[in-house]
Amino acid sequence: MLITFRSDAGDITMFGNVAVTLLKMAGHSGTVPGAILGKDLPAALAKLKGALDALPAEERASGRDDDDDAPAIGLRKRAWPLVELLERAARDEIDVSWDRS
């Protein structure tokens, strides 16, 4: 499953399991579809960044896809597009919503 985050600040699509994990780290229930209001983004972003920083090094660097020969892509790297989107949206208090793609 893929999840697409949409806002006037931009759109991104990511793997569903990663997106739900990041939403939960941001203090959201992880339900899909869902949304965060622009006024609530700074708090959610702070929680997400704090949770990412608190990950043990081995968890930050793990997260292989189905291909066992592929290099590991850490959760922090996978989170980067969402963090960037949330930062842009938070600057202008733009709501962000998401749903299955």
N, C-alpha and C. Protein backbone atom coordinates (compact mmCIF):
# COMPACT_ATOMS: atom_id res chain seq x y z
N MET A 1 0.84 -1.16 0.00
CA MET A 1 0.00 0.00 0.00
C MET A 1 0.89 1.24 0.00
N LEU A 2 0.46 2.24 -0.73
CA LEU A 2 1.13 3.53 -0.75
C LEU A 2 0.21 4.57 -0.12
N ILE A 3 0.81 5.56 0.52
CA ILE A 3 0.06 6.65 1.11
C ILE A 3 0.59 7.95 0.52
N THR A 4 -0.33 8.82 0.11
CA THR A 4 0.03 10.11 -0.45
C THR A 4 -0.36 11.21 0.54
N PHE A 5 0.61 12.06 0.87
CA PHE A 5 0.38 13.23 1.69
C PHE A 5 0.14 14.40 0.74
N ARG A 6 -0.93 15.16 1.01
CA ARG A 6 -1.30 16.26 0.12
C ARG A 6 -1.47 17.55 0.90
N SER A 7 -0.98 18.63 0.30
CA SER A 7 -1.20 19.96 0.86
C SER A 7 -0.85 20.97 -0.21
N ASP A 8 -1.17 22.22 0.07
CA ASP A 8 -0.76 23.29 -0.84
C ASP A 8 0.74 23.51 -0.80
N ALA A 9 1.42 22.91 0.17
CA ALA A 9 2.88 23.00 0.27
C ALA A 9 3.56 21.93 -0.57
N GLY A 10 2.80 20.99 -1.13
CA GLY A 10 3.35 19.92 -1.96
C GLY A 10 2.71 18.59 -1.65
N ASP A 11 3.02 17.61 -2.46
CA ASP A 11 2.51 16.25 -2.30
C ASP A 11 3.69 15.28 -2.32
N ILE A 12 3.58 14.23 -1.50
CA ILE A 12 4.58 13.15 -1.56
C ILE A 12 3.84 11.82 -1.38
N THR A 13 4.43 10.77 -1.90
CA THR A 13 3.90 9.42 -1.75
C THR A 13 4.99 8.56 -1.14
N MET A 14 4.59 7.73 -0.17
CA MET A 14 5.55 6.84 0.47
C MET A 14 4.90 5.50 0.78
N PHE A 15 5.71 4.52 1.10
CA PHE A 15 5.20 3.21 1.49
C PHE A 15 4.31 3.36 2.71
N GLY A 16 3.20 2.63 2.72
CA GLY A 16 2.22 2.75 3.79
C GLY A 16 2.76 2.44 5.16
N ASN A 17 3.54 1.36 5.29
CA ASN A 17 4.05 0.99 6.61
C ASN A 17 4.98 2.06 7.17
N VAL A 18 5.78 2.67 6.33
CA VAL A 18 6.68 3.73 6.76
C VAL A 18 5.86 4.97 7.13
N ALA A 19 4.89 5.32 6.31
CA ALA A 19 4.06 6.50 6.57
C ALA A 19 3.32 6.37 7.89
N VAL A 20 2.73 5.21 8.16
CA VAL A 20 1.99 5.01 9.41
C VAL A 20 2.93 5.09 10.60
N THR A 21 4.11 4.50 10.49
CA THR A 21 5.10 4.58 11.57
C THR A 21 5.46 6.04 11.86
N LEU A 22 5.69 6.82 10.80
CA LEU A 22 6.06 8.22 10.99
C LEU A 22 4.91 9.02 11.57
N LEU A 23 3.69 8.73 11.14
CA LEU A 23 2.53 9.42 11.70
C LEU A 23 2.40 9.16 13.20
N LYS A 24 2.61 7.93 13.59
CA LYS A 24 2.54 7.58 15.01
C LYS A 24 3.66 8.27 15.78
N MET A 25 4.83 8.38 15.19
CA MET A 25 5.95 9.06 15.84
C MET A 25 5.64 10.55 16.01
N ALA A 26 4.78 11.09 15.13
CA ALA A 26 4.40 12.50 15.19
C ALA A 26 3.25 12.74 16.15
N GLY A 27 2.77 11.67 16.80
CA GLY A 27 1.70 11.81 17.77
C GLY A 27 0.31 11.60 17.21
N HIS A 28 0.22 11.17 15.96
CA HIS A 28 -1.06 10.88 15.34
C HIS A 28 -1.40 9.41 15.55
N SER A 29 -2.66 9.07 15.41
CA SER A 29 -3.08 7.68 15.59
C SER A 29 -2.57 6.76 14.48
N GLY A 30 -2.25 7.33 13.34
CA GLY A 30 -1.81 6.51 12.21
C GLY A 30 -2.94 6.08 11.31
N THR A 31 -4.14 6.59 11.55
CA THR A 31 -5.28 6.22 10.71
C THR A 31 -5.13 6.81 9.31
N VAL A 32 -5.65 6.07 8.35
CA VAL A 32 -5.61 6.49 6.95
C VAL A 32 -7.03 6.32 6.41
N PRO A 33 -7.65 7.37 5.88
CA PRO A 33 -7.13 8.71 5.67
C PRO A 33 -7.10 9.52 6.96
N GLY A 34 -6.41 10.67 6.88
CA GLY A 34 -6.30 11.53 8.04
C GLY A 34 -5.77 12.89 7.65
N ALA A 35 -5.60 13.74 8.66
CA ALA A 35 -5.11 15.10 8.40
C ALA A 35 -4.55 15.69 9.68
N ILE A 36 -3.68 16.67 9.51
CA ILE A 36 -3.19 17.49 10.61
C ILE A 36 -3.42 18.94 10.19
N LEU A 37 -4.07 19.70 11.05
CA LEU A 37 -4.30 21.11 10.76
C LEU A 37 -2.99 21.88 10.82
N GLY A 38 -2.91 22.93 10.02
CA GLY A 38 -1.71 23.73 9.96
C GLY A 38 -1.26 24.24 11.31
N LYS A 39 -2.22 24.62 12.18
CA LYS A 39 -1.86 25.15 13.50
C LYS A 39 -1.27 24.08 14.41
N ASP A 40 -1.52 22.79 14.10
CA ASP A 40 -1.01 21.69 14.90
C ASP A 40 0.30 21.10 14.37
N LEU A 41 0.74 21.57 13.21
CA LEU A 41 1.94 21.00 12.59
C LEU A 41 3.22 21.22 13.39
N PRO A 42 3.46 22.40 13.98
CA PRO A 42 4.72 22.55 14.72
C PRO A 42 4.89 21.52 15.83
N ALA A 43 3.83 21.23 16.56
CA ALA A 43 3.92 20.24 17.65
C ALA A 43 4.15 18.84 17.08
N ALA A 44 3.44 18.49 16.02
CA ALA A 44 3.60 17.17 15.40
C ALA A 44 5.01 17.02 14.84
N LEU A 45 5.51 18.06 14.22
CA LEU A 45 6.85 18.03 13.65
C LEU A 45 7.91 17.88 14.73
N ALA A 46 7.72 18.58 15.84
CA ALA A 46 8.67 18.46 16.96
C ALA A 46 8.68 17.04 17.52
N LYS A 47 7.51 16.43 17.65
CA LYS A 47 7.43 15.04 18.14
C LYS A 47 8.11 14.09 17.17
N LEU A 48 7.85 14.28 15.88
CA LEU A 48 8.45 13.40 14.87
C LEU A 48 9.96 13.52 14.89
N LYS A 49 10.47 14.73 14.89
CA LYS A 49 11.93 14.91 14.89
C LYS A 49 12.55 14.35 16.17
N GLY A 50 11.89 14.55 17.30
CA GLY A 50 12.40 14.01 18.55
C GLY A 50 12.43 12.49 18.55
N ALA A 51 11.38 11.88 18.02
CA ALA A 51 11.32 10.42 17.95
C ALA A 51 12.38 9.87 17.00
N LEU A 52 12.60 10.55 15.89
CA LEU A 52 13.63 10.11 14.94
C LEU A 52 15.02 10.23 15.56
N ASP A 53 15.25 11.32 16.29
CA ASP A 53 16.55 11.50 16.93
C ASP A 53 16.79 10.48 18.04
N ALA A 54 15.71 9.99 18.65
CA ALA A 54 15.82 9.04 19.76
C ALA A 54 16.00 7.60 19.30
N LEU A 55 15.87 7.34 18.00
CA LEU A 55 16.03 5.97 17.50
C LEU A 55 17.46 5.49 17.73
N PRO A 56 17.61 4.24 18.17
CA PRO A 56 18.96 3.68 18.25
C PRO A 56 19.60 3.65 16.86
N ALA A 57 20.90 3.74 16.81
CA ALA A 57 21.60 3.80 15.53
C ALA A 57 21.25 2.64 14.61
N GLU A 58 21.10 1.44 15.17
CA GLU A 58 20.80 0.29 14.30
C GLU A 58 19.40 0.39 13.71
N GLU A 59 18.46 1.01 14.41
CA GLU A 59 17.11 1.17 13.86
C GLU A 59 17.08 2.29 12.84
N ARG A 60 17.89 3.29 13.03
CA ARG A 60 17.94 4.38 12.05
C ARG A 60 18.48 3.88 10.72
N ALA A 61 19.33 2.86 10.75
CA ALA A 61 19.97 2.38 9.53
C ALA A 61 19.32 1.11 8.99
N SER A 62 18.29 0.62 9.64
CA SER A 62 17.66 -0.61 9.13
C SER A 62 16.44 -0.28 8.30
N GLY A 63 15.82 -1.29 7.77
CA GLY A 63 14.61 -1.08 6.99
C GLY A 63 14.76 -1.48 5.55
N ARG A 64 15.11 -2.71 5.33
CA ARG A 64 15.23 -3.20 3.96
C ARG A 64 13.86 -3.40 3.35
N ASP A 65 13.78 -3.23 2.05
CA ASP A 65 12.56 -3.54 1.33
C ASP A 65 12.54 -5.04 1.04
N ASP A 66 11.71 -5.46 0.12
CA ASP A 66 11.59 -6.89 -0.18
C ASP A 66 12.85 -7.47 -0.81
N ASP A 67 13.67 -6.66 -1.41
CA ASP A 67 14.88 -7.13 -2.07
C ASP A 67 16.01 -7.22 -1.05
N ASP A 68 16.39 -8.44 -0.67
CA ASP A 68 17.43 -8.64 0.35
C ASP A 68 18.79 -8.12 -0.07
N ASP A 69 19.01 -7.96 -1.37
CA ASP A 69 20.30 -7.47 -1.84
C ASP A 69 20.38 -5.95 -1.85
N ALA A 70 19.26 -5.29 -1.64
CA ALA A 70 19.24 -3.83 -1.65
C ALA A 70 19.88 -3.30 -0.37
N PRO A 71 20.54 -2.17 -0.46
CA PRO A 71 21.12 -1.61 0.75
C PRO A 71 20.03 -1.14 1.71
N ALA A 72 20.33 -1.17 2.98
CA ALA A 72 19.38 -0.73 3.99
C ALA A 72 19.15 0.77 3.87
N ILE A 73 17.92 1.18 3.99
CA ILE A 73 17.57 2.59 3.98
C ILE A 73 16.94 2.89 5.33
N GLY A 74 17.59 3.73 6.10
CA GLY A 74 17.13 4.02 7.45
C GLY A 74 15.84 4.80 7.49
N LEU A 75 15.16 4.70 8.61
CA LEU A 75 13.90 5.40 8.79
C LEU A 75 14.08 6.91 8.71
N ARG A 76 15.21 7.40 9.19
CA ARG A 76 15.46 8.85 9.11
C ARG A 76 15.53 9.31 7.67
N LYS A 77 16.15 8.53 6.80
CA LYS A 77 16.21 8.90 5.39
C LYS A 77 14.83 8.80 4.75
N ARG A 78 14.09 7.77 5.12
CA ARG A 78 12.74 7.62 4.58
C ARG A 78 11.82 8.74 5.06
N ALA A 79 12.10 9.28 6.24
CA ALA A 79 11.27 10.35 6.82
C ALA A 79 11.54 11.71 6.19
N TRP A 80 12.70 11.89 5.61
CA TRP A 80 13.12 13.20 5.14
C TRP A 80 12.09 13.90 4.24
N PRO A 81 11.50 13.25 3.23
CA PRO A 81 10.51 13.97 2.41
C PRO A 81 9.30 14.43 3.21
N LEU A 82 8.85 13.63 4.16
CA LEU A 82 7.71 14.02 4.97
C LEU A 82 8.09 15.17 5.91
N VAL A 83 9.25 15.11 6.51
CA VAL A 83 9.71 16.19 7.38
C VAL A 83 9.77 17.50 6.60
N GLU A 84 10.33 17.46 5.41
CA GLU A 84 10.42 18.65 4.56
C GLU A 84 9.03 19.20 4.24
N LEU A 85 8.11 18.33 3.87
CA LEU A 85 6.75 18.76 3.56
C LEU A 85 6.09 19.40 4.78
N LEU A 86 6.23 18.76 5.94
CA LEU A 86 5.63 19.30 7.16
C LEU A 86 6.26 20.63 7.55
N GLU A 87 7.55 20.79 7.35
CA GLU A 87 8.20 22.07 7.65
C GLU A 87 7.66 23.18 6.75
N ARG A 88 7.52 22.89 5.45
CA ARG A 88 6.97 23.90 4.53
C ARG A 88 5.54 24.26 4.91
N ALA A 89 4.74 23.25 5.21
CA ALA A 89 3.34 23.48 5.56
C ALA A 89 3.23 24.22 6.89
N ALA A 90 4.08 23.90 7.85
CA ALA A 90 4.03 24.55 9.16
C ALA A 90 4.37 26.03 9.07
N ARG A 91 5.30 26.38 8.19
CA ARG A 91 5.68 27.78 8.03
C ARG A 91 4.48 28.66 7.70
N ASP A 92 3.58 28.15 6.87
CA ASP A 92 2.43 28.93 6.42
C ASP A 92 1.10 28.44 7.00
N GLU A 93 1.17 27.57 8.02
CA GLU A 93 -0.01 26.99 8.65
C GLU A 93 -0.97 26.37 7.62
N ILE A 94 -0.40 25.54 6.76
CA ILE A 94 -1.16 24.85 5.73
C ILE A 94 -1.50 23.45 6.23
N ASP A 95 -2.76 23.06 6.12
CA ASP A 95 -3.18 21.72 6.53
C ASP A 95 -2.54 20.66 5.63
N VAL A 96 -2.29 19.49 6.20
CA VAL A 96 -1.76 18.35 5.45
C VAL A 96 -2.71 17.18 5.65
N SER A 97 -3.11 16.56 4.55
CA SER A 97 -3.97 15.37 4.63
C SER A 97 -3.28 14.22 3.94
N TRP A 98 -3.78 13.02 4.17
CA TRP A 98 -3.19 11.84 3.53
C TRP A 98 -4.27 10.80 3.32
N ASP A 99 -4.02 9.96 2.31
CA ASP A 99 -4.92 8.85 2.02
C ASP A 99 -4.18 7.80 1.22
N ARG A 100 -4.83 6.67 1.02
CA ARG A 100 -4.22 5.59 0.23
C ARG A 100 -4.16 6.02 -1.24
N SER A 101 -3.05 5.66 -1.86
CA SER A 101 -2.88 5.99 -3.28
C SER A 101 -3.39 4.87 -4.14
